[in-house]
Protein backbone atom coordinates (compact mmCIF):
# COMPACT_ATOMS: atom_id res chain seq x y z
CA MET A 1 29.03 -35.91 110.98
CA LEU A 2 29.53 -38.19 114.24
CA ASP A 3 31.56 -36.80 117.21
CA VAL A 4 34.97 -38.67 118.41
CA THR A 5 33.88 -39.57 121.97
CA PRO A 6 36.02 -40.71 124.50
CA GLU A 7 34.49 -44.15 124.38
CA ALA A 8 35.26 -44.33 120.63
CA LEU A 9 38.82 -43.37 121.22
CA GLU A 10 39.27 -45.88 123.95
CA LEU A 11 37.75 -48.69 121.78
CA ALA A 12 39.99 -47.71 119.00
CA ARG A 13 42.80 -48.03 121.45
CA HIS A 14 41.68 -51.92 122.30
CA TYR A 15 41.49 -52.32 118.48
CA HIS A 16 45.40 -50.99 118.15
CA ALA A 17 46.26 -53.27 121.23
CA ALA A 18 44.94 -56.20 119.37
CA ARG A 19 47.02 -55.39 116.51
CA VAL A 20 43.60 -55.40 114.25
CA VAL A 21 45.47 -53.58 111.68
CA PRO A 22 49.11 -52.17 111.18
CA PRO A 23 49.56 -49.23 113.09
CA ARG A 24 49.83 -46.64 110.27
CA PHE A 25 46.28 -47.35 109.44
CA GLN A 26 44.68 -46.46 112.88
CA ASP A 27 42.42 -43.95 111.49
CA ASP A 28 40.54 -46.89 110.00
CA LEU A 29 40.24 -48.18 113.46
CA LEU A 30 38.78 -44.85 114.77
CA HIS A 31 36.45 -44.96 112.04
CA VAL A 32 34.85 -48.26 113.06
CA ALA A 33 35.11 -47.42 116.74
CA VAL A 34 33.12 -44.54 116.25
CA ALA A 35 30.65 -46.26 114.07
CA VAL A 36 30.03 -49.12 117.04
CA CYS A 37 29.89 -46.47 119.73
CA GLN A 38 26.96 -44.64 117.72
CA ARG A 39 25.42 -48.10 117.59
CA MET A 40 25.56 -48.17 113.64
CA GLU A 41 24.64 -51.65 112.39
CA MET A 42 26.91 -51.77 109.34
CA ILE A 43 30.02 -49.67 107.44
CA VAL A 44 29.95 -49.52 103.78
CA SER A 45 33.50 -49.34 102.33
CA TRP A 46 35.49 -49.94 99.55
CA ASN A 47 38.49 -50.44 101.85
CA MET A 48 38.83 -54.22 101.51
CA LYS A 49 42.37 -54.41 103.08
CA HIS A 50 41.86 -53.10 106.04
CA LEU A 51 38.22 -52.91 106.88
CA ALA A 52 35.75 -54.97 104.30
CA ASN A 53 37.88 -58.07 105.03
CA PRO A 54 36.64 -60.98 106.75
CA ASN A 55 39.37 -61.43 108.80
CA ARG A 56 39.72 -57.85 110.02
CA VAL A 57 35.86 -58.02 110.79
CA THR A 58 36.48 -61.00 112.93
CA ARG A 59 39.32 -59.32 114.95
CA ILE A 60 36.96 -56.29 115.44
CA ASN A 61 34.27 -58.29 116.76
CA ALA A 62 36.34 -60.04 119.08
CA VAL A 63 37.46 -56.78 120.66
CA ASN A 64 33.88 -55.37 120.55
CA ARG A 65 32.76 -58.78 122.24
CA ALA A 66 35.46 -58.65 125.02
CA TYR A 67 34.60 -54.96 125.96
CA GLY A 68 30.78 -55.35 125.80
CA TRP A 69 29.90 -53.31 122.26
CA PRO A 70 27.66 -54.98 119.81
CA MET A 71 28.86 -56.50 116.47
CA MET A 72 30.07 -54.69 113.58
CA ARG A 73 28.85 -55.48 110.07
CA ILE A 74 31.44 -54.20 107.23
CA HIS A 75 30.46 -54.84 103.68
CA THR A 76 31.52 -53.59 100.21
CA PRO A 77 29.32 -51.36 98.22
CA GLN A 78 28.71 -54.63 96.00
CA GLU A 79 27.93 -56.82 98.79
CA VAL A 80 25.51 -54.51 100.11
CA LEU A 81 23.74 -53.92 96.43
CA GLY A 82 23.83 -57.73 95.78
CA LEU A 83 26.14 -57.22 92.76
């Protein structure tokens, strides 16, 4: 388990302001923000609509770049396993 830090909450607010996903899916953005702030290299997710989606990843990483955070890779289990 990873803690939700003030930095993660702030980063999630930046994602929200950039309208990375619709408002009702903000928990997905907090998930990403926590991983980014903990310097995780990748998220593996079945959530292809809001997370493991190249367009969303591009938008997430644009926010990360703007606020000095590292890039995040988000892939499906199939991509990671090479299936």
